Each structure stands twice: as structure tokens, then as C-alpha cells.
Amino acid sequence: MSKHESRGRPGVRVVALAGIILLTLAAAAVAAEPEVRIIADGNGQKLQADGKDYMVFGMNWGYMPIGENYLYNLWSQPDEVIEAALAREMPLLQDMGVNSIRQYVGIPPRWVQYIYETYGITTMINHLVGRYGYTLDGAWIPSVDYSDPQFRDAVKAEIVDWVGYYRDTPGILMWLLGNENNYGLHWSSFEIEALPEGQRDEARARYLYSL
């Protein structure tokens, strides 16, 4: 994973939301983008943008031309290809009432800004936190050990690095960390195997959620 230059001022509000590792980091505000924050009171929690309640009407969104395989990466294409794809797809989302889309880390910040400024659609950036494997010290780990201090330090540093990469990008709504990671708790270790079989998954889950 290459390092990215951190831009803008520090400070990202960490927000824990109900669900399977739905941890979000509300984006730092700048003049060109909505000020995003979480309001907590006796009625619960709610999201606000520019002081107004913000109900997320969101969806996962990706683009793949007919005949292409699933490895197609829109963001690696020439600008005119990307703009044409967005011109076809984003108005459809607008017509559906979509105001937010989910993208994985790697979408260039300028396209997050372009989608927001052109179509009024914000982006939730998703880091998978090792859900489908992770490269650590040059070695691919298909099922990560969430109790491994080296992995924990590496993935936290990587997430902070990505936050710096996207900081102050107009259109960032929040961060989504993980994707059903509780379905990927399959590693083995001396400590885990020493537990009674019925307690092993619970122990693995503690490491995941503490991370």
C-alpha cells in the first residue's frame, strides 16, 4: 500500500453506528462541502449536513460496460470515459432519490468532488479492514488474524493514511469501516484453540470489535 500525502487540518469525528462493524468517521468540513456531524440526544442519534437532518438514501454503485469482467476499474479509464459513464448513471440515481453512494478506498478524490458538485450526490468511502484478505509485509493473508498486533497496527495506520488522502474533499459524507467482517473470523492461534470450542468465535469477535 503506497503512502498518501495528508492534506488539510486534522480532526475527524469518530461515530459508532449499530450494525456489523458499521463504524463511520464523519468528514471534516470545508466551505465547499456540507458540514457533517452526528447529533445525539434523548431520541437517539441522527446525521446532519449543514445543520439540517440528513436522511441517507444510499446505494452501492459501480459501473461495468456490457461484456467487461468484474475487474473493470472505471477510475483507471480516461477522463472522457468516466464523465460519460457518470452522465449516464448519475441522473438515474437522482431520479431514484439517491443522495449518497458507497465507494471503496481508491476512488480518486477529484471524482468524489465531481460527483458531488455535478450531481449533488455524496460519497461514503469504505475500507474493508481485511475482510477479504490483507497484504502484510509483502505476504498475502487470505484470512486475517484480528488479534495479531502487527495487523492491527498496520490496518489502523493504513486507514489513517487514507483519511488524510481524502481529507477536505468536497462530497465525502462519512467513512464505512469493514463489510460483514464477522463472517470472516476463521483464523486459528494457540490462544484460540486453547479455548473450549463454544467460546472460540466469541473470543475472535472480541478482537474484531475492539479493533
Protein backbone atom coordinates (compact mmCIF):
# COMPACT_ATOMS: atom_id res chain seq x y z
CA MET A 1 0.00 0.00 0.00
CA SER A 2 1.52 3.29 -1.04
CA LYS A 3 1.54 6.21 1.34
CA HIS A 4 -0.62 9.18 0.53
CA GLU A 5 0.10 12.77 1.38
CA SER A 6 -2.11 14.03 4.21
CA ARG A 7 -3.93 17.22 3.33
CA GLY A 8 -5.91 19.75 5.36
CA ARG A 9 -6.50 20.14 9.04
CA PRO A 10 -6.67 17.19 11.45
CA GLY A 11 -9.79 16.09 13.21
CA VAL A 12 -12.35 13.54 12.13
CA ARG A 13 -15.26 12.71 14.39
CA VAL A 14 -15.50 9.01 15.10
CA VAL A 15 -19.01 7.66 15.19
CA ALA A 16 -20.13 4.17 16.15
CA LEU A 17 -23.39 3.13 14.48
CA ALA A 18 -25.42 -0.01 15.07
CA GLY A 19 -24.71 -2.89 12.73
CA ILE A 20 -21.91 -5.22 11.80
CA ILE A 21 -18.80 -3.08 12.15
CA LEU A 22 -20.58 -0.03 10.78
CA LEU A 23 -18.08 2.45 12.12
CA THR A 24 -18.14 5.81 10.40
CA LEU A 25 -15.92 8.82 10.50
CA ALA A 26 -17.91 11.94 9.70
CA ALA A 27 -15.84 14.01 7.26
CA ALA A 28 -14.08 17.22 8.25
CA ALA A 29 -15.95 20.21 6.86
CA VAL A 30 -14.70 22.83 4.43
CA ALA A 31 -16.51 25.75 2.87
CA ALA A 32 -17.25 23.89 -0.37
CA GLU A 33 -18.79 20.83 1.23
CA PRO A 34 -21.58 20.20 3.72
CA GLU A 35 -20.68 20.31 7.39
CA VAL A 36 -21.38 16.77 8.56
CA ARG A 37 -21.94 15.80 12.18
CA ILE A 38 -23.77 13.36 14.40
CA ILE A 39 -26.37 14.68 16.82
CA ALA A 40 -27.08 12.52 19.88
CA ASP A 41 -29.92 13.30 22.27
CA GLY A 42 -32.64 11.55 24.22
CA ASN A 43 -34.24 10.41 20.96
CA GLY A 44 -31.11 8.66 19.72
CA GLN A 45 -28.64 9.65 17.01
CA LYS A 46 -29.11 11.41 13.71
CA LEU A 47 -26.95 12.68 10.89
CA GLN A 48 -26.92 16.35 9.96
CA ALA A 49 -25.43 18.19 7.00
CA ASP A 50 -25.22 21.99 7.12
CA GLY A 51 -27.38 21.98 10.24
CA LYS A 52 -30.22 20.06 8.58
CA ASP A 53 -31.23 16.48 9.26
CA TYR A 54 -29.77 14.26 6.53
CA MET A 55 -31.57 11.03 5.74
CA VAL A 56 -29.25 8.83 3.70
CA PHE A 57 -30.94 7.45 0.61
CA GLY A 58 -27.92 5.48 -0.48
CA MET A 59 -26.81 2.52 -2.52
CA ASN A 60 -23.71 0.66 -3.60
CA TRP A 61 -22.81 1.90 -7.04
CA GLY A 62 -20.34 0.63 -9.60
CA TYR A 63 -20.05 0.79 -13.35
CA MET A 64 -19.19 -2.03 -15.72
CA PRO A 65 -19.68 -1.85 -19.51
CA ILE A 66 -21.51 -4.77 -21.05
CA GLY A 67 -19.08 -7.57 -21.80
CA GLU A 68 -16.43 -6.44 -19.31
CA ASN A 69 -15.34 -8.65 -16.44
CA TYR A 70 -15.74 -7.77 -12.79
CA LEU A 71 -12.16 -6.46 -12.56
CA TYR A 72 -13.07 -3.44 -14.71
CA ASN A 73 -11.95 -0.28 -12.90
CA LEU A 74 -13.82 2.80 -14.05
CA TRP A 75 -11.46 5.16 -12.22
CA SER A 76 -8.45 3.98 -14.25
CA GLN A 77 -10.11 4.97 -17.52
CA PRO A 78 -9.58 8.25 -19.43
CA ASP A 79 -11.50 11.27 -18.12
CA GLU A 80 -13.91 11.28 -21.05
CA VAL A 81 -14.87 7.66 -20.38
CA ILE A 82 -15.51 8.39 -16.70
CA GLU A 83 -17.52 11.53 -17.43
CA ALA A 84 -19.64 9.69 -20.00
CA ALA A 85 -20.33 6.85 -17.56
CA LEU A 86 -21.31 9.28 -14.81
CA ALA A 87 -23.50 11.25 -17.23
CA ARG A 88 -25.45 8.07 -17.97
CA GLU A 89 -25.67 6.72 -14.43
CA MET A 90 -25.89 9.64 -12.00
CA PRO A 91 -29.13 11.13 -13.43
CA LEU A 92 -30.73 7.70 -12.97
CA LEU A 93 -29.70 7.74 -9.32
CA GLN A 94 -31.01 11.29 -8.95
CA ASP A 95 -34.36 10.18 -10.39
CA MET A 96 -34.48 7.41 -7.76
CA GLY A 97 -33.89 9.94 -4.98
CA VAL A 98 -30.39 8.66 -4.20
CA ASN A 99 -28.29 11.23 -2.35
CA SER A 100 -25.28 9.08 -1.37
CA ILE A 101 -23.25 6.27 -2.89
CA ARG A 102 -20.74 3.83 -1.41
CA GLN A 103 -17.28 3.53 -2.95
CA TYR A 104 -14.21 1.63 -1.85
CA VAL A 105 -10.94 3.34 -0.98
CA GLY A 106 -9.12 4.08 -4.20
CA ILE A 107 -11.68 6.26 -5.96
CA PRO A 108 -9.70 9.44 -6.77
CA PRO A 109 -10.79 12.40 -4.61
CA ARG A 110 -11.38 14.55 -7.68
CA TRP A 111 -14.13 12.19 -8.85
CA VAL A 112 -15.77 12.27 -5.43
CA GLN A 113 -15.79 16.06 -5.76
CA TYR A 114 -17.01 15.91 -9.37
CA ILE A 115 -19.95 13.66 -8.50
CA TYR A 116 -20.91 15.92 -5.60
CA GLU A 117 -20.58 19.23 -7.43
CA THR A 118 -22.15 17.99 -10.68
CA TYR A 119 -24.91 15.74 -9.37
CA GLY A 120 -25.29 16.64 -5.69
CA ILE A 121 -24.51 13.07 -4.58
CA THR A 122 -22.21 12.47 -1.62
CA THR A 123 -19.88 9.50 -1.19
CA MET A 124 -19.30 7.09 1.68
CA ILE A 125 -15.75 5.71 1.50
CA ASN A 126 -15.43 2.05 2.51
CA HIS A 127 -12.21 0.48 3.84
CA LEU A 128 -12.70 -3.28 4.16
CA VAL A 129 -10.38 -3.72 7.19
CA GLY A 130 -9.04 -7.01 5.90
CA ARG A 131 -12.43 -8.58 5.24
CA TYR A 132 -11.31 -10.42 2.10
CA GLY A 133 -7.64 -10.74 2.96
CA TYR A 134 -4.74 -8.38 3.51
CA THR A 135 -1.14 -7.94 2.38
CA LEU A 136 1.17 -7.68 5.38
CA ASP A 137 4.94 -7.30 4.91
CA GLY A 138 4.56 -8.35 1.29
CA ALA A 139 2.70 -11.57 2.10
CA TRP A 140 -0.96 -12.14 1.23
CA ILE A 141 -3.09 -13.30 4.18
CA PRO A 142 -6.41 -14.71 2.95
CA SER A 143 -7.99 -14.84 6.43
CA VAL A 144 -6.62 -12.20 8.76
CA ASP A 145 -6.00 -12.68 12.47
CA TYR A 146 -7.67 -9.73 14.19
CA SER A 147 -5.75 -10.48 17.36
CA ASP A 148 -2.37 -10.01 15.63
CA PRO A 149 -0.82 -6.75 16.94
CA GLN A 150 1.15 -6.30 13.72
CA PHE A 151 -2.01 -6.49 11.59
CA ARG A 152 -3.94 -4.23 13.95
CA ASP A 153 -1.22 -1.56 13.85
CA ALA A 154 -0.85 -1.84 10.08
CA VAL A 155 -4.53 -1.58 9.21
CA LYS A 156 -5.12 1.33 11.61
CA ALA A 157 -2.18 3.21 10.13
CA GLU A 158 -3.47 2.50 6.63
CA ILE A 159 -6.94 3.80 7.45
CA VAL A 160 -5.50 6.99 8.96
CA ASP A 161 -3.39 7.38 5.82
CA TRP A 162 -6.43 7.07 3.57
CA VAL A 163 -8.38 9.55 5.71
CA GLY A 164 -5.56 12.02 5.16
CA TYR A 165 -5.67 11.32 1.42
CA TYR A 166 -9.38 12.20 1.22
CA ARG A 167 -9.44 14.94 3.85
CA ASP A 168 -11.13 18.18 2.75
CA THR A 169 -12.52 16.55 -0.40
CA PRO A 170 -15.93 18.08 -1.14
CA GLY A 171 -18.56 15.36 -1.24
CA ILE A 172 -17.19 12.96 1.40
CA LEU A 173 -20.11 12.15 3.69
CA MET A 174 -18.63 9.53 6.02
CA TRP A 175 -16.38 6.51 6.34
CA LEU A 176 -17.56 2.91 6.42
CA LEU A 177 -15.12 0.50 8.05
CA GLY A 178 -15.44 -3.17 7.14
CA ASN A 179 -18.07 -5.21 5.35
CA GLU A 180 -19.69 -8.03 7.34
CA ASN A 181 -16.31 -8.82 8.86
CA ASN A 182 -17.97 -11.05 11.45
CA TYR A 183 -18.38 -13.61 8.66
CA GLY A 184 -14.60 -13.75 8.21
CA LEU A 185 -13.46 -14.81 11.69
CA HIS A 186 -11.72 -18.02 10.70
CA TRP A 187 -8.13 -17.70 11.91
CA SER A 188 -6.50 -20.15 14.28
CA SER A 189 -3.98 -19.46 17.03
CA PHE A 190 -2.68 -21.16 20.16
CA GLU A 191 -4.80 -18.87 22.35
CA ILE A 192 -7.97 -19.52 20.33
CA GLU A 193 -7.51 -23.29 20.11
CA ALA A 194 -6.88 -23.48 23.87
CA LEU A 195 -10.45 -22.28 24.50
CA PRO A 196 -13.47 -24.57 24.63
CA GLU A 197 -14.94 -24.88 21.14
CA GLY A 198 -18.08 -22.94 22.07
CA GLN A 199 -16.04 -19.89 23.16
CA ARG A 200 -13.72 -19.56 20.16
CA ASP A 201 -15.98 -17.49 17.93
CA GLU A 202 -16.82 -15.20 20.81
CA ALA A 203 -13.12 -14.64 21.50
CA ARG A 204 -12.45 -13.89 17.82
CA ALA A 205 -15.34 -11.43 17.79
CA ARG A 206 -13.90 -9.54 20.77
CA TYR A 207 -10.69 -8.92 18.83
CA LEU A 208 -12.62 -7.72 15.79
CA TYR A 209 -14.89 -5.32 17.62
CA SER A 210 -12.14 -4.00 19.87
CA LEU A 211 -10.26 -3.10 16.70
